[in-house]
Structure formats: structure tokens, C-alpha cells
């Protein structure tokens, strides 16, 4: 999966910056040292403000799960807030919530995800924990050419990450976290995992049903024990 971009000794807001390009040949070892030195880059003011303004886990939450979010350029505070608030409202039934603890800038060559290989390539950014959440400009369906998707939960071996289009509706993160916690798509009318178009119930009444919650709790306990997700 590649070397983690951040370590426990680095400020959670610090992001990798690109080493300055040179016209002369740079030995591989020196290139690696320059890249490592860039990990000490201070967070941008925009990143610091965005993280500080995002929702946190409610005080009584039993499992406050951490996220690292990778963002395209622009102001995403309102969109992120809606996604997180909706997810936390739904996850409350299993005593869980999510909180962003790291913010990164998504590289320009990963803003548009059109092919399966590009979904795989996102896994080279960062480490498995905190859980990675990639927000992209465009996410194309891998089964229906020309169709754009709102979100997808992607796996490679034991690794898992969430990819979401910045055009996604506010309940999409909650749906994808349902997949992270082991849920398949559902046919229950009130389940947020049911993606079939329907007039009733309205989206704001959708959530994780009583039938789905036991599997979510078991998967959450398993992922925490394996260290594949972490909590605050």
C-alpha cells in the first residue's frame, strides 16, 4: 500500500508537499530524503480552519472513529459538515460516530476517477488508519460507461477506503460507512443501504435498521481489534 504519509510524530494537519523540481538528475536516495523532509510542511491556514470547524463526535459516543479526508481545491466546509452530521445521526444507533482528524489536499492527477485502476491508485495515498475518505471532482461507474456515481467503498486486500464525488447528496457518506461496517445493499424501505429510487420514505427518514445493526456492531468490533480502523 506504500509508505504512510503521516506518522504519529507529525502534526495531524500536516500534509505532504511536492519537492521542488530540478532539471538535473537527483539520485533516488536523495529524492526520498527530500520527500521525507516535506512531511514537516506546516498546515495551510485553509486546512486548519476547515478542520477546526468540522463536527466532532458527540460527548457520549462509545466509538468515535477517526477519518482522514483528501480534498480537491476549494471551500468544502458546508458540504463536509452535512456529510458528517448525517453520518453521525445514523451511526448513533450502534454507539458510533466519525470525526475528521486529518485533512489533505488531493493531488491534481487524482481529481477525476474514471477507471478501476484509478480507484486502486488512491490506496497509495496515506495509511489505512485513520480511515481514508477521498472526495473527488468526478467518479465514474465501472460497470456503466458514461454514468457518474456519488460514492463507492473500495477494497484492496485488507485495505478499505471511501471515495465520494463532491456532488454527492448529504447521506452518501453514511451509506458508504454502512458498507465499511459490513452491510450489503438492502431492500428494506427504511434502510439507508437501499439505493432503489422510491417516493417514500423521504431520504431524511432513512437510517440503519434493527436488522442491520447487529452485523454493524460485529464488524466494527472486528475492524477495531484488527487495527484496520481506529477510534479517538
Protein backbone atom coordinates (compact mmCIF):
# COMPACT_ATOMS: atom_id res chain seq x y z
CA UNK A 1 0.00 0.00 0.00
CA UNK A 2 3.02 2.32 0.11
CA UNK A 3 4.67 4.22 2.91
CA UNK A 4 2.26 6.17 5.14
CA UNK A 5 2.43 9.87 4.50
CA UNK A 6 1.96 10.79 8.14
CA UNK A 7 3.32 9.40 11.36
CA UNK A 8 2.32 9.77 14.98
CA UNK A 9 5.02 12.38 15.45
CA UNK A 10 3.71 14.66 12.72
CA UNK A 11 1.00 17.26 13.31
CA UNK A 12 -2.32 15.76 12.13
CA UNK A 13 -2.94 18.66 9.78
CA UNK A 14 0.38 18.49 8.06
CA UNK A 15 0.22 17.30 4.51
CA UNK A 16 2.81 16.12 2.04
CA UNK A 17 4.12 18.81 -0.26
CA UNK A 18 5.88 18.25 -3.53
CA UNK A 19 9.66 18.53 -3.52
CA UNK A 20 10.96 21.28 -5.75
CA UNK A 21 11.62 20.03 -9.25
CA UNK A 22 15.17 20.23 -10.56
CA UNK A 23 16.41 19.93 -14.10
CA UNK A 24 19.43 17.88 -13.08
CA UNK A 25 19.40 14.19 -12.15
CA UNK A 26 18.69 13.54 -8.47
CA UNK A 27 19.78 10.16 -7.03
CA UNK A 28 16.94 8.00 -5.75
CA UNK A 29 18.10 8.12 -2.12
CA UNK A 30 18.33 11.92 -2.18
CA UNK A 31 14.85 12.13 -3.74
CA UNK A 32 13.47 10.03 -0.90
CA UNK A 33 15.15 12.26 1.69
CA UNK A 34 13.68 15.38 0.10
CA UNK A 35 10.23 13.81 0.12
CA UNK A 36 10.56 12.89 3.78
CA UNK A 37 11.67 16.41 4.64
CA UNK A 38 8.47 17.73 3.04
CA UNK A 39 6.41 15.90 5.65
CA UNK A 40 7.37 18.66 8.04
CA UNK A 41 5.43 21.23 5.99
CA UNK A 42 3.08 23.26 8.19
CA UNK A 43 -0.67 23.00 7.53
CA UNK A 44 -2.22 25.66 5.35
CA UNK A 45 -4.47 28.22 7.01
CA UNK A 46 -7.42 26.92 4.99
CA UNK A 47 -6.83 23.36 6.19
CA UNK A 48 -6.58 24.45 9.81
CA UNK A 49 -9.81 26.43 9.62
CA UNK A 50 -11.65 23.64 7.80
CA UNK A 51 -10.69 21.01 10.34
CA UNK A 52 -11.43 23.21 13.35
CA UNK A 53 -14.92 23.98 12.04
CA UNK A 54 -15.97 20.39 11.28
CA UNK A 55 -18.36 18.45 13.55
CA UNK A 56 -16.82 16.31 16.28
CA UNK A 57 -18.13 13.14 17.88
CA UNK A 58 -20.86 13.73 20.47
CA UNK A 59 -19.59 13.50 24.04
CA UNK A 60 -21.48 10.32 24.89
CA UNK A 61 -20.30 8.42 21.79
CA UNK A 62 -18.89 5.00 22.66
CA UNK A 63 -16.85 4.61 19.45
CA UNK A 64 -15.51 7.86 17.96
CA UNK A 65 -13.99 6.63 14.70
CA UNK A 66 -11.29 8.74 13.07
CA UNK A 67 -11.17 9.80 9.42
CA UNK A 68 -8.56 11.38 7.20
CA UNK A 69 -10.11 13.30 4.32
CA UNK A 70 -8.44 14.08 0.99
CA UNK A 71 -9.99 17.11 -0.71
CA UNK A 72 -9.85 18.82 -4.11
CA UNK A 73 -9.18 22.56 -4.19
CA UNK A 74 -11.99 24.81 -2.98
CA UNK A 75 -14.18 25.50 0.03
CA UNK A 76 -15.85 22.28 1.22
CA UNK A 77 -16.76 23.15 4.79
CA UNK A 78 -20.55 23.18 4.38
CA UNK A 79 -20.57 20.02 2.29
CA UNK A 80 -18.31 18.16 4.73
CA UNK A 81 -20.40 19.31 7.68
CA UNK A 82 -23.60 17.98 6.11
CA UNK A 83 -21.98 14.64 5.29
CA UNK A 84 -20.56 14.19 8.79
CA UNK A 85 -23.69 15.29 10.63
CA UNK A 86 -25.88 12.94 8.61
CA UNK A 87 -23.48 10.03 9.09
CA UNK A 88 -23.26 10.61 12.83
CA UNK A 89 -27.03 10.85 13.19
CA UNK A 90 -27.34 7.42 11.58
CA UNK A 91 -24.38 5.77 13.31
CA UNK A 92 -25.69 6.76 16.75
CA UNK A 93 -27.87 3.60 16.82
CA UNK A 94 -24.72 1.48 17.25
CA UNK A 95 -22.99 3.92 19.61
CA UNK A 96 -20.61 5.18 16.93
CA UNK A 97 -19.70 8.43 15.19
CA UNK A 98 -16.93 9.67 12.90
CA UNK A 99 -14.60 12.64 13.23
CA UNK A 100 -12.06 14.05 10.78
CA UNK A 101 -8.63 14.30 12.39
CA UNK A 102 -6.51 14.87 9.27
CA UNK A 103 -7.08 17.00 6.16
CA UNK A 104 -5.01 16.56 3.00
CA UNK A 105 -5.03 18.13 -0.44
CA UNK A 106 -5.83 15.63 -3.17
CA UNK A 107 -3.16 15.58 -5.91
CA UNK A 108 -4.26 17.09 -9.23
CA UNK A 109 -3.81 13.79 -11.08
CA UNK A 110 -6.37 12.08 -8.82
CA UNK A 111 -9.24 14.57 -9.03
CA UNK A 112 -11.13 12.54 -11.65
CA UNK A 113 -11.62 8.83 -11.11
CA UNK A 114 -12.68 7.25 -14.40
CA UNK A 115 -11.20 3.74 -14.22
CA UNK A 116 -10.86 0.92 -11.70
CA UNK A 117 -7.08 1.32 -11.72
CA UNK A 118 -7.51 4.90 -10.53
CA UNK A 119 -9.62 3.74 -7.60
CA UNK A 120 -6.84 1.32 -6.70
CA UNK A 121 -4.27 4.09 -7.08
CA UNK A 122 -5.93 6.17 -4.36
CA UNK A 123 -4.89 3.47 -1.90
CA UNK A 124 -1.27 4.59 -2.34
CA UNK A 125 -2.08 7.82 -0.51
CA UNK A 126 -1.78 7.75 3.25
CA UNK A 127 -2.15 4.74 5.51
CA UNK A 128 -5.12 2.56 6.38
CA UNK A 129 -5.74 4.41 9.64
CA UNK A 130 -7.34 6.79 10.15
CA UNK A 131 -9.95 5.53 7.67
CA UNK A 132 -9.39 7.28 4.34
CA UNK A 133 -12.15 9.35 2.74
CA UNK A 134 -11.36 10.66 -0.75
CA UNK A 135 -13.50 13.48 -2.14
CA UNK A 136 -13.08 13.79 -5.92
CA UNK A 137 -14.36 16.02 -8.70
CA UNK A 138 -15.76 13.11 -10.70
CA UNK A 139 -16.36 9.42 -10.00
CA UNK A 140 -17.36 7.27 -12.97
CA UNK A 141 -19.19 3.95 -12.75
CA UNK A 142 -17.01 0.96 -13.59
CA UNK A 143 -19.96 -1.09 -14.93
CA UNK A 144 -21.96 1.51 -16.88
CA UNK A 145 -19.78 3.67 -19.17
CA UNK A 146 -20.70 7.34 -19.03
CA UNK A 147 -22.59 7.09 -15.74
CA UNK A 148 -21.32 9.08 -12.79
CA UNK A 149 -21.51 7.72 -9.26
CA UNK A 150 -21.95 9.56 -5.99
CA UNK A 151 -19.81 7.26 -3.87
CA UNK A 152 -18.17 3.86 -3.53
CA UNK A 153 -16.47 1.81 -0.83
CA UNK A 154 -13.32 0.35 -2.34
CA UNK A 155 -11.23 -2.57 -1.11
CA UNK A 156 -7.80 -3.91 -1.94
CA UNK A 157 -6.87 -6.93 0.14
CA UNK A 158 -7.37 -6.00 3.79
CA UNK A 159 -7.43 -2.28 2.98
CA UNK A 160 -10.63 -0.26 2.61
CA UNK A 161 -11.36 3.37 1.75
CA UNK A 162 -14.31 5.53 0.76
CA UNK A 163 -14.42 7.51 -2.49
CA UNK A 164 -17.09 10.15 -2.85
CA UNK A 165 -17.94 12.69 -5.51
CA UNK A 166 -18.20 16.24 -4.23
CA UNK A 167 -21.62 16.31 -5.94
CA UNK A 168 -22.86 13.57 -3.59
CA UNK A 169 -26.01 14.03 -1.52
CA UNK A 170 -25.62 14.52 2.21
CA UNK A 171 -26.48 10.92 3.16
CA UNK A 172 -23.92 9.24 0.85
CA UNK A 173 -21.11 9.08 3.43
CA UNK A 174 -23.47 7.32 5.86
CA UNK A 175 -24.32 4.77 3.16
CA UNK A 176 -20.65 4.11 2.38
CA UNK A 177 -19.77 3.75 6.05
CA UNK A 178 -22.50 1.12 6.20
CA UNK A 179 -20.52 -0.82 3.60
CA UNK A 180 -17.31 -0.32 5.60
CA UNK A 181 -19.13 -1.86 8.57
CA UNK A 182 -20.11 -4.92 6.58
CA UNK A 183 -23.53 -4.10 5.16
CA UNK A 184 -24.60 -5.04 1.63
CA UNK A 185 -27.31 -3.17 -0.25
CA UNK A 186 -30.77 -3.64 1.25
CA UNK A 187 -34.36 -3.98 0.10
CA UNK A 188 -35.80 -2.61 3.36
CA UNK A 189 -37.76 0.54 2.64
CA UNK A 190 -36.35 2.50 5.60
CA UNK A 191 -32.74 1.41 5.16
CA UNK A 192 -30.16 3.91 4.00
CA UNK A 193 -28.49 0.93 2.31
CA UNK A 194 -31.43 0.61 -0.10
CA UNK A 195 -30.41 2.61 -3.17
CA UNK A 196 -33.57 1.91 -5.18
CA UNK A 197 -35.43 5.09 -6.22
CA UNK A 198 -38.64 5.47 -4.20
CA UNK A 199 -41.00 8.23 -3.17
CA UNK A 200 -41.41 7.02 0.40
CA UNK A 201 -39.92 7.26 2.93
CA UNK A 202 -38.04 10.51 2.17
CA UNK A 203 -34.23 10.39 2.43
CA UNK A 204 -34.11 12.20 5.79
CA UNK A 205 -36.06 9.32 7.35
CA UNK A 206 -33.62 6.65 6.19
CA UNK A 207 -31.18 5.01 8.58
CA UNK A 208 -29.67 1.71 9.70
CA UNK A 209 -32.47 -0.69 10.56
CA UNK A 210 -32.77 -3.03 13.54
CA UNK A 211 -31.99 -5.93 11.20
CA UNK A 212 -28.72 -4.30 10.06
CA UNK A 213 -27.35 -3.11 13.39
CA UNK A 214 -26.08 -6.44 14.83
CA UNK A 215 -23.85 -7.03 11.80
CA UNK A 216 -22.54 -3.47 12.01
CA UNK A 217 -21.61 -3.94 15.67
CA UNK A 218 -19.82 -7.23 14.98
CA UNK A 219 -17.90 -5.79 12.02
CA UNK A 220 -16.95 -2.68 13.98
CA UNK A 221 -15.56 -4.78 16.83
CA UNK A 222 -13.61 -6.92 14.35
CA UNK A 223 -12.12 -3.96 12.47
CA UNK A 224 -11.06 -2.28 15.72
CA UNK A 225 -9.46 -5.47 17.00
CA UNK A 226 -7.55 -5.92 13.73
CA UNK A 227 -6.40 -2.30 13.75
CA UNK A 228 -8.00 -1.63 10.36
CA UNK A 229 -9.88 1.34 11.79
CA UNK A 230 -9.16 3.32 14.92
CA UNK A 231 -11.05 5.41 17.39
CA UNK A 232 -10.21 8.64 19.12
